Amino acid sequence: MANSLRGEVLNLYKNLLYLGRDYPKGADYFKRRLKNVFLKNKDVKDPEKIKELIERGKFVMKELEALYFLRKYRAMKQRYYSDIKN
């Protein structure tokens, strides 16, 4: 694996690990799953396949950010609009 791809993979792992702290099922659950996924793909040597996996990881990061944003939005909405019934 080229050094630039290695750096990207490590950066992706660190970012996902950071985002996993607030995962609904718990940080330990997320950390175990993340480690298993990265270990499963550790033998991939093809740069194109590595780039594809990096893109998938970036997609997961965006999904996690959206999940957290939605959870915060719902909590704020519940606090400020708890008197209003739909």
PDB file of N, CA and C in Angstrom:
ATOM      1  N   MET A   1       0.856  -1.172   0.000  1.00  0.00           N
ATOM      2  CA  MET A   1       0.000   0.000   0.000  1.00  0.00           C
ATOM      3  C   MET A   1       0.897   1.229   0.000  1.00  0.00           C
ATOM      4  N   ALA A   2       0.559   2.162  -0.842  1.00  0.00           N
ATOM      5  CA  ALA A   2       1.329   3.401  -0.919  1.00  0.00           C
ATOM      6  C   ALA A   2       1.175   4.182   0.380  1.00  0.00           C
ATOM      7  N   ASN A   3       2.209   4.976   0.680  1.00  0.00           N
ATOM      8  CA  ASN A   3       2.200   5.734   1.930  1.00  0.00           C
ATOM      9  C   ASN A   3       1.030   6.703   2.003  1.00  0.00           C
ATOM     10  N   SER A   4       0.664   7.307   0.876  1.00  0.00           N
ATOM     11  CA  SER A   4      -0.454   8.247   0.901  1.00  0.00           C
ATOM     12  C   SER A   4      -1.758   7.528   1.239  1.00  0.00           C
ATOM     13  N   LEU A   5      -1.946   6.329   0.691  1.00  0.00           N
ATOM     14  CA  LEU A   5      -3.156   5.565   1.009  1.00  0.00           C
ATOM     15  C   LEU A   5      -3.126   5.081   2.451  1.00  0.00           C
ATOM     16  N   ARG A   6      -1.965   4.732   2.921  1.00  0.00           N
ATOM     17  CA  ARG A   6      -1.841   4.300   4.322  1.00  0.00           C
ATOM     18  C   ARG A   6      -2.234   5.438   5.249  1.00  0.00           C
ATOM     19  N   GLY A   7      -1.781   6.624   4.942  1.00  0.00           N
ATOM     20  CA  GLY A   7      -2.135   7.794   5.747  1.00  0.00           C
ATOM     21  C   GLY A   7      -3.629   8.071   5.711  1.00  0.00           C
ATOM     22  N   GLU A   8      -4.229   7.920   4.531  1.00  0.00           N
ATOM     23  CA  GLU A   8      -5.668   8.121   4.408  1.00  0.00           C
ATOM     24  C   GLU A   8      -6.449   7.100   5.234  1.00  0.00           C
ATOM     25  N   VAL A   9      -5.993   5.847   5.187  1.00  0.00           N
ATOM     26  CA  VAL A   9      -6.658   4.785   5.948  1.00  0.00           C
ATOM     27  C   VAL A   9      -6.551   5.062   7.438  1.00  0.00           C
ATOM     28  N   LEU A  10      -5.371   5.427   7.897  1.00  0.00           N
ATOM     29  CA  LEU A  10      -5.188   5.726   9.322  1.00  0.00           C
ATOM     30  C   LEU A  10      -6.024   6.927   9.746  1.00  0.00           C
ATOM     31  N   ASN A  11      -6.067   7.945   8.906  1.00  0.00           N
ATOM     32  CA  ASN A  11      -6.874   9.127   9.208  1.00  0.00           C
ATOM     33  C   ASN A  11      -8.359   8.765   9.274  1.00  0.00           C
ATOM     34  N   LEU A  12      -8.805   7.938   8.350  1.00  0.00           N
ATOM     35  CA  LEU A  12     -10.193   7.487   8.344  1.00  0.00           C
ATOM     36  C   LEU A  12     -10.500   6.713   9.624  1.00  0.00           C
ATOM     37  N   TYR A  13      -9.607   5.823  10.015  1.00  0.00           N
ATOM     38  CA  TYR A  13      -9.799   5.028  11.236  1.00  0.00           C
ATOM     39  C   TYR A  13      -9.902   5.940  12.458  1.00  0.00           C
ATOM     40  N   LYS A  14      -9.015   6.912  12.553  1.00  0.00           N
ATOM     41  CA  LYS A  14      -9.038   7.836  13.690  1.00  0.00           C
ATOM     42  C   LYS A  14     -10.329   8.645  13.725  1.00  0.00           C
ATOM     43  N   ASN A  15     -10.764   9.128  12.561  1.00  0.00           N
ATOM     44  CA  ASN A  15     -11.991   9.912  12.505  1.00  0.00           C
ATOM     45  C   ASN A  15     -13.209   9.073  12.875  1.00  0.00           C
ATOM     46  N   LEU A  16     -13.274   7.855  12.365  1.00  0.00           N
ATOM     47  CA  LEU A  16     -14.396   6.986  12.705  1.00  0.00           C
ATOM     48  C   LEU A  16     -14.375   6.615  14.185  1.00  0.00           C
ATOM     49  N   LEU A  17     -13.194   6.389  14.718  1.00  0.00           N
ATOM     50  CA  LEU A  17     -13.075   6.074  16.139  1.00  0.00           C
ATOM     51  C   LEU A  17     -13.567   7.240  16.982  1.00  0.00           C
ATOM     52  N   TYR A  18     -13.243   8.446  16.564  1.00  0.00           N
ATOM     53  CA  TYR A  18     -13.702   9.644  17.274  1.00  0.00           C
ATOM     54  C   TYR A  18     -15.223   9.773  17.202  1.00  0.00           C
ATOM     55  N   LEU A  19     -15.786   9.551  16.008  1.00  0.00           N
ATOM     56  CA  LEU A  19     -17.230   9.646  15.842  1.00  0.00           C
ATOM     57  C   LEU A  19     -17.962   8.538  16.599  1.00  0.00           C
ATOM     58  N   GLY A  20     -17.316   7.421  16.792  1.00  0.00           N
ATOM     59  CA  GLY A  20     -17.949   6.290  17.465  1.00  0.00           C
ATOM     60  C   GLY A  20     -18.169   6.480  18.947  1.00  0.00           C
ATOM     61  N   ARG A  21     -17.621   7.532  19.516  1.00  0.00           N
ATOM     62  CA  ARG A  21     -17.786   7.768  20.958  1.00  0.00           C
ATOM     63  C   ARG A  21     -19.249   7.951  21.345  1.00  0.00           C
ATOM     64  N   ASP A  22     -20.040   8.515  20.453  1.00  0.00           N
ATOM     65  CA  ASP A  22     -21.442   8.804  20.750  1.00  0.00           C
ATOM     66  C   ASP A  22     -22.397   7.818  20.092  1.00  0.00           C
ATOM     67  N   TYR A  23     -21.902   6.688  19.649  1.00  0.00           N
ATOM     68  CA  TYR A  23     -22.747   5.724  18.948  1.00  0.00           C
ATOM     69  C   TYR A  23     -23.845   5.216  19.883  1.00  0.00           C
ATOM     70  N   PRO A  24     -25.080   5.086  19.387  1.00  0.00           N
ATOM     71  CA  PRO A  24     -26.201   4.702  20.255  1.00  0.00           C
ATOM     72  C   PRO A  24     -26.028   3.363  20.985  1.00  0.00           C
ATOM     73  N   LYS A  25     -25.368   2.406  20.381  1.00  0.00           N
ATOM     74  CA  LYS A  25     -25.173   1.107  21.043  1.00  0.00           C
ATOM     75  C   LYS A  25     -23.948   1.087  21.946  1.00  0.00           C
ATOM     76  N   GLY A  26     -23.232   2.188  22.023  1.00  0.00           N
ATOM     77  CA  GLY A  26     -22.079   2.282  22.907  1.00  0.00           C
ATOM     78  C   GLY A  26     -20.774   2.362  22.149  1.00  0.00           C
ATOM     79  N   ALA A  27     -19.813   3.033  22.764  1.00  0.00           N
ATOM     80  CA  ALA A  27     -18.509   3.225  22.130  1.00  0.00           C
ATOM     81  C   ALA A  27     -17.751   1.909  21.998  1.00  0.00           C
ATOM     82  N   ASP A  28     -17.880   1.025  22.987  1.00  0.00           N
ATOM     83  CA  ASP A  28     -17.164  -0.255  22.924  1.00  0.00           C
ATOM     84  C   ASP A  28     -17.667  -1.116  21.776  1.00  0.00           C
ATOM     85  N   TYR A  29     -18.973  -1.127  21.590  1.00  0.00           N
ATOM     86  CA  TYR A  29     -19.566  -1.876  20.479  1.00  0.00           C
ATOM     87  C   TYR A  29     -19.036  -1.350  19.151  1.00  0.00           C
ATOM     88  N   PHE A  30     -19.060  -0.033  18.995  1.00  0.00           N
ATOM     89  CA  PHE A  30     -18.602   0.582  17.750  1.00  0.00           C
ATOM     90  C   PHE A  30     -17.121   0.305  17.521  1.00  0.00           C
ATOM     91  N   LYS A  31     -16.327   0.419  18.565  1.00  0.00           N
ATOM     92  CA  LYS A  31     -14.878   0.202  18.439  1.00  0.00           C
ATOM     93  C   LYS A  31     -14.575  -1.228  17.995  1.00  0.00           C
ATOM     94  N   ARG A  32     -15.277  -2.209  18.586  1.00  0.00           N
ATOM     95  CA  ARG A  32     -15.071  -3.610  18.186  1.00  0.00           C
ATOM     96  C   ARG A  32     -15.438  -3.825  16.722  1.00  0.00           C
ATOM     97  N   ARG A  33     -16.588  -3.299  16.308  1.00  0.00           N
ATOM     98  CA  ARG A  33     -17.024  -3.465  14.921  1.00  0.00           C
ATOM     99  C   ARG A  33     -16.056  -2.793  13.955  1.00  0.00           C
ATOM    100  N   LEU A  34     -15.620  -1.587  14.319  1.00  0.00           N
ATOM    101  CA  LEU A  34     -14.689  -0.852  13.468  1.00  0.00           C
ATOM    102  C   LEU A  34     -13.380  -1.617  13.308  1.00  0.00           C
ATOM    103  N   LYS A  35     -12.857  -2.120  14.410  1.00  0.00           N
ATOM    104  CA  LYS A  35     -11.599  -2.871  14.367  1.00  0.00           C
ATOM    105  C   LYS A  35     -11.750  -4.126  13.510  1.00  0.00           C
ATOM    106  N   ASN A  36     -12.869  -4.826  13.666  1.00  0.00           N
ATOM    107  CA  ASN A  36     -13.098  -6.044  12.872  1.00  0.00           C
ATOM    108  C   ASN A  36     -13.148  -5.742  11.375  1.00  0.00           C
ATOM    109  N   VAL A  37     -13.803  -4.654  11.009  1.00  0.00           N
ATOM    110  CA  VAL A  37     -13.903  -4.300   9.592  1.00  0.00           C
ATOM    111  C   VAL A  37     -12.529  -3.952   9.022  1.00  0.00           C
ATOM    112  N   PHE A  38     -11.760  -3.187   9.765  1.00  0.00           N
ATOM    113  CA  PHE A  38     -10.438  -2.811   9.265  1.00  0.00           C
ATOM    114  C   PHE A  38      -9.507  -4.020   9.207  1.00  0.00           C
ATOM    115  N   LEU A  39      -9.594  -4.907  10.186  1.00  0.00           N
ATOM    116  CA  LEU A  39      -8.755  -6.108  10.163  1.00  0.00           C
ATOM    117  C   LEU A  39      -9.157  -7.048   9.019  1.00  0.00           C
ATOM    118  N   LYS A  40     -10.443  -7.101   8.725  1.00  0.00           N
ATOM    119  CA  LYS A  40     -10.915  -7.951   7.632  1.00  0.00           C
ATOM    120  C   LYS A  40     -10.322  -7.515   6.298  1.00  0.00           C
ATOM    121  N   ASN A  41     -10.103  -6.220   6.140  1.00  0.00           N
ATOM    122  CA  ASN A  41      -9.600  -5.684   4.872  1.00  0.00           C
ATOM    123  C   ASN A  41      -8.111  -5.344   4.904  1.00  0.00           C
ATOM    124  N   LYS A  42      -7.401  -5.818   5.905  1.00  0.00           N
ATOM    125  CA  LYS A  42      -5.990  -5.442   6.028  1.00  0.00           C
ATOM    126  C   LYS A  42      -5.104  -6.035   4.931  1.00  0.00           C
ATOM    127  N   ASP A  43      -5.544  -7.116   4.301  1.00  0.00           N
ATOM    128  CA  ASP A  43      -4.722  -7.768   3.283  1.00  0.00           C
ATOM    129  C   ASP A  43      -4.991  -7.258   1.876  1.00  0.00           C
ATOM    130  N   VAL A  44      -5.834  -6.276   1.730  1.00  0.00           N
ATOM    131  CA  VAL A  44      -6.140  -5.722   0.409  1.00  0.00           C
ATOM    132  C   VAL A  44      -4.927  -4.934  -0.076  1.00  0.00           C
ATOM    133  N   LYS A  45      -4.448  -5.258  -1.270  1.00  0.00           N
ATOM    134  CA  LYS A  45      -3.246  -4.609  -1.825  1.00  0.00           C
ATOM    135  C   LYS A  45      -3.544  -3.724  -3.026  1.00  0.00           C
ATOM    136  N   ASP A  46      -4.659  -3.972  -3.691  1.00  0.00           N
ATOM    137  CA  ASP A  46      -5.017  -3.232  -4.902  1.00  0.00           C
ATOM    138  C   ASP A  46      -5.376  -1.785  -4.546  1.00  0.00           C
ATOM    139  N   PRO A  47      -4.636  -0.807  -5.085  1.00  0.00           N
ATOM    140  CA  PRO A  47      -4.911   0.603  -4.750  1.00  0.00           C
ATOM    141  C   PRO A  47      -6.335   1.048  -5.093  1.00  0.00           C
ATOM    142  N   GLU A  48      -6.897   0.526  -6.176  1.00  0.00           N
ATOM    143  CA  GLU A  48      -8.265   0.903  -6.550  1.00  0.00           C
ATOM    144  C   GLU A  48      -9.267   0.383  -5.523  1.00  0.00           C
ATOM    145  N   LYS A  49      -9.066  -0.839  -5.066  1.00  0.00           N
ATOM    146  CA  LYS A  49      -9.952  -1.421  -4.052  1.00  0.00           C
ATOM    147  C   LYS A  49      -9.819  -0.656  -2.733  1.00  0.00           C
ATOM    148  N   ILE A  50      -8.594  -0.259  -2.400  1.00  0.00           N
ATOM    149  CA  ILE A  50      -8.365   0.514  -1.171  1.00  0.00           C
ATOM    150  C   ILE A  50      -9.089   1.853  -1.259  1.00  0.00           C
ATOM    151  N   LYS A  51      -9.003   2.510  -2.411  1.00  0.00           N
ATOM    152  CA  LYS A  51      -9.704   3.790  -2.593  1.00  0.00           C
ATOM    153  C   LYS A  51     -11.212   3.606  -2.469  1.00  0.00           C
ATOM    154  N   GLU A  52     -11.709   2.502  -3.006  1.00  0.00           N
ATOM    155  CA  GLU A  52     -13.141   2.206  -2.908  1.00  0.00           C
ATOM    156  C   GLU A  52     -13.556   2.016  -1.443  1.00  0.00           C
ATOM    157  N   LEU A  53     -12.730   1.307  -0.686  1.00  0.00           N
ATOM    158  CA  LEU A  53     -13.019   1.092   0.738  1.00  0.00           C
ATOM    159  C   LEU A  53     -12.932   2.405   1.524  1.00  0.00           C
ATOM    160  N   ILE A  54     -12.005   3.265   1.150  1.00  0.00           N
ATOM    161  CA  ILE A  54     -11.885   4.576   1.803  1.00  0.00           C
ATOM    162  C   ILE A  54     -13.145   5.399   1.540  1.00  0.00           C
ATOM    163  N   GLU A  55     -13.638   5.363   0.309  1.00  0.00           N
ATOM    164  CA  GLU A  55     -14.867   6.092  -0.025  1.00  0.00           C
ATOM    165  C   GLU A  55     -16.054   5.557   0.764  1.00  0.00           C
ATOM    166  N   ARG A  56     -16.110   4.241   0.933  1.00  0.00           N
ATOM    167  CA  ARG A  56     -17.179   3.657   1.742  1.00  0.00           C
ATOM    168  C   ARG A  56     -17.071   4.131   3.185  1.00  0.00           C
ATOM    169  N   GLY A  57     -15.856   4.203   3.694  1.00  0.00           N
ATOM    170  CA  GLY A  57     -15.644   4.698   5.059  1.00  0.00           C
ATOM    171  C   GLY A  57     -16.063   6.151   5.208  1.00  0.00           C
ATOM    172  N   LYS A  58     -15.783   6.959   4.195  1.00  0.00           N
ATOM    173  CA  LYS A  58     -16.205   8.368   4.238  1.00  0.00           C
ATOM    174  C   LYS A  58     -17.721   8.474   4.209  1.00  0.00           C
ATOM    175  N   PHE A  59     -18.378   7.592   3.470  1.00  0.00           N
ATOM    176  CA  PHE A  59     -19.833   7.562   3.448  1.00  0.00           C
ATOM    177  C   PHE A  59     -20.369   7.230   4.841  1.00  0.00           C
ATOM    178  N   VAL A  60     -19.764   6.260   5.497  1.00  0.00           N
ATOM    179  CA  VAL A  60     -20.183   5.886   6.854  1.00  0.00           C
ATOM    180  C   VAL A  60     -20.000   7.069   7.808  1.00  0.00           C
ATOM    181  N   MET A  61     -18.911   7.810   7.647  1.00  0.00           N
ATOM    182  CA  MET A  61     -18.694   8.996   8.487  1.00  0.00           C
ATOM    183  C   MET A  61     -19.828  10.002   8.299  1.00  0.00           C
ATOM    184  N   LYS A  62     -20.208  10.247   7.058  1.00  0.00           N
ATOM    185  CA  LYS A  62     -21.295  11.195   6.784  1.00  0.00           C
ATOM    186  C   LYS A  62     -22.610  10.707   7.378  1.00  0.00           C
ATOM    187  N   GLU A  63     -22.861   9.411   7.281  1.00  0.00           N
ATOM    188  CA  GLU A  63     -24.082   8.847   7.856  1.00  0.00           C
ATOM    189  C   GLU A  63     -24.098   8.988   9.376  1.00  0.00           C
ATOM    190  N   LEU A  64     -22.962   8.758  10.009  1.00  0.00           N
ATOM    191  CA  LEU A  64     -22.880   8.921  11.464  1.00  0.00           C
ATOM    192  C   LEU A  64     -23.115  10.367  11.866  1.00  0.00           C
ATOM    193  N   GLU A  65     -22.513  11.287  11.126  1.00  0.00           N
ATOM    194  CA  GLU A  65     -22.714  12.705  11.428  1.00  0.00           C
ATOM    195  C   GLU A  65     -24.178  13.084  11.278  1.00  0.00           C
ATOM    196  N   ALA A  66     -24.836  12.554  10.252  1.00  0.00           N
ATOM    197  CA  ALA A  66     -26.261  12.829  10.057  1.00  0.00           C
ATOM    198  C   ALA A  66     -27.087  12.239  11.197  1.00  0.00           C
ATOM    199  N   LEU A  67     -26.733  11.042  11.631  1.00  0.00           N
ATOM    200  CA  LEU A  67     -27.425  10.403  12.747  1.00  0.00           C
ATOM    201  C   LEU A  67     -27.322  11.242  14.009  1.00  0.00           C
ATOM    202  N   TYR A  68     -26.124  11.731  14.301  1.00  0.00           N
ATOM    203  CA  TYR A  68     -25.919  12.535  15.504  1.00  0.00           C
ATOM    204  C   TYR A  68     -26.630  13.872  15.403  1.00  0.00           C
ATOM    205  N   PHE A  69     -26.597  14.468  14.217  1.00  0.00           N
ATOM    206  CA  PHE A  69     -27.277  15.744  14.025  1.00  0.00           C
ATOM    207  C   PHE A  69     -28.783  15.584  14.223  1.00  0.00           C
ATOM    208  N   LEU A  70     -29.340  14.511  13.672  1.00  0.00           N
ATOM    209  CA  LEU A  70     -30.763  14.253  13.813  1.00  0.00           C
ATOM    210  C   LEU A  70     -31.134  14.007  15.268  1.00  0.00           C
ATOM    211  N   ARG A  71     -30.300  13.271  15.982  1.00  0.00           N
ATOM    212  CA  ARG A  71     -30.573  13.002  17.400  1.00  0.00           C
ATOM    213  C   ARG A  71     -30.563  14.295  18.205  1.00  0.00           C
ATOM    214  N   LYS A  72     -29.604  15.171  17.939  1.00  0.00           N
ATOM    215  CA  LYS A  72     -29.541  16.450  18.640  1.00  0.00           C
ATOM    216  C   LYS A  72     -30.739  17.326  18.279  1.00  0.00           C
ATOM    217  N   TYR A  73     -31.120  17.314  17.019  1.00  0.00           N
ATOM    218  CA  TYR A  73     -32.276  18.098  16.573  1.00  0.00           C
ATOM    219  C   TYR A  73     -33.538  17.618  17.281  1.00  0.00           C
ATOM    220  N   ARG A  74     -33.732  16.315  17.351  1.00  0.00           N
ATOM    221  CA  ARG A  74     -34.917  15.775  18.017  1.00  0.00           C
ATOM    222  C   ARG A  74     -34.933  16.138  19.499  1.00  0.00           C
ATOM    223  N   ALA A  75     -33.784  16.089  20.138  1.00  0.00           N
ATOM    224  CA  ALA A  75     -33.716  16.442  21.558  1.00  0.00           C
ATOM    225  C   ALA A  75     -34.059  17.916  21.770  1.00  0.00           C
ATOM    226  N   MET A  76     -33.527  18.795  20.918  1.00  0.00           N
ATOM    227  CA  MET A  76     -33.839  20.220  21.042  1.00  0.00           C
ATOM    228  C   MET A  76     -35.307  20.481  20.747  1.00  0.00           C
ATOM    229  N   LYS A  77     -35.837  19.840  19.739  1.00  0.00           N
ATOM    230  CA  LYS A  77     -37.240  20.021  19.386  1.00  0.00           C
ATOM    231  C   LYS A  77     -38.131  19.571  20.537  1.00  0.00           C
ATOM    232  N   GLN A  78     -37.770  18.472  21.160  1.00  0.00           N
ATOM    233  CA  GLN A  78     -38.553  17.956  22.278  1.00  0.00           C
ATOM    234  C   GLN A  78     -38.514  18.919  23.465  1.00  0.00           C
ATOM    235  N   ARG A  79     -37.371  19.524  23.710  1.00  0.00           N
ATOM    236  CA  ARG A  79     -37.252  20.474  24.820  1.00  0.00           C
ATOM    237  C   ARG A  79     -38.076  21.735  24.589  1.00  0.00           C
ATOM    238  N   TYR A  80     -37.984  22.270  23.382  1.00  0.00           N
ATOM    239  CA  TYR A  80     -38.604  23.561  23.116  1.00  0.00           C
ATOM    240  C   TYR A  80     -40.065  23.469  22.691  1.00  0.00           C
ATOM    241  N   TYR A  81     -40.467  22.334  22.161  1.00  0.00           N
ATOM    242  CA  TYR A  81     -41.831  22.196  21.675  1.00  0.00           C
ATOM    243  C   TYR A  81     -42.577  21.070  22.381  1.00  0.00           C
ATOM    244  N   SER A  82     -42.265  20.827  23.628  1.00  0.00           N
ATOM    245  CA  SER A  82     -42.914  19.743  24.340  1.00  0.00           C
ATOM    246  C   SER A  82     -44.385  20.038  24.639  1.00  0.00           C
ATOM    247  N   ASP A  83     -44.773  21.317  24.670  1.00  0.00           N
ATOM    248  CA  ASP A  83     -46.155  21.693  24.963  1.00  0.00           C
ATOM    249  C   ASP A  83     -47.073  21.512  23.755  1.00  0.00           C
ATOM    250  N   ILE A  84     -46.535  21.561  22.572  1.00  0.00           N
ATOM    251  CA  ILE A  84     -47.316  21.498  21.348  1.00  0.00           C
ATOM    252  C   ILE A  84     -47.546  20.030  20.968  1.00  0.00           C
ATOM    253  N   LYS A  85     -48.804  19.672  20.763  1.00  0.00           N
ATOM    254  CA  LYS A  85     -49.143  18.298  20.338  1.00  0.00           C
ATOM    255  C   LYS A  85     -49.426  18.324  18.832  1.00  0.00           C
ATOM    256  N   ASN A  86     -48.946  17.303  18.130  1.00  0.00           N
ATOM    257  CA  ASN A  86     -49.181  17.219  16.670  1.00  0.00           C
ATOM    258  C   ASN A  86     -50.536  16.682  16.361  1.00  0.00           C
TER     259      ASN A  86
END
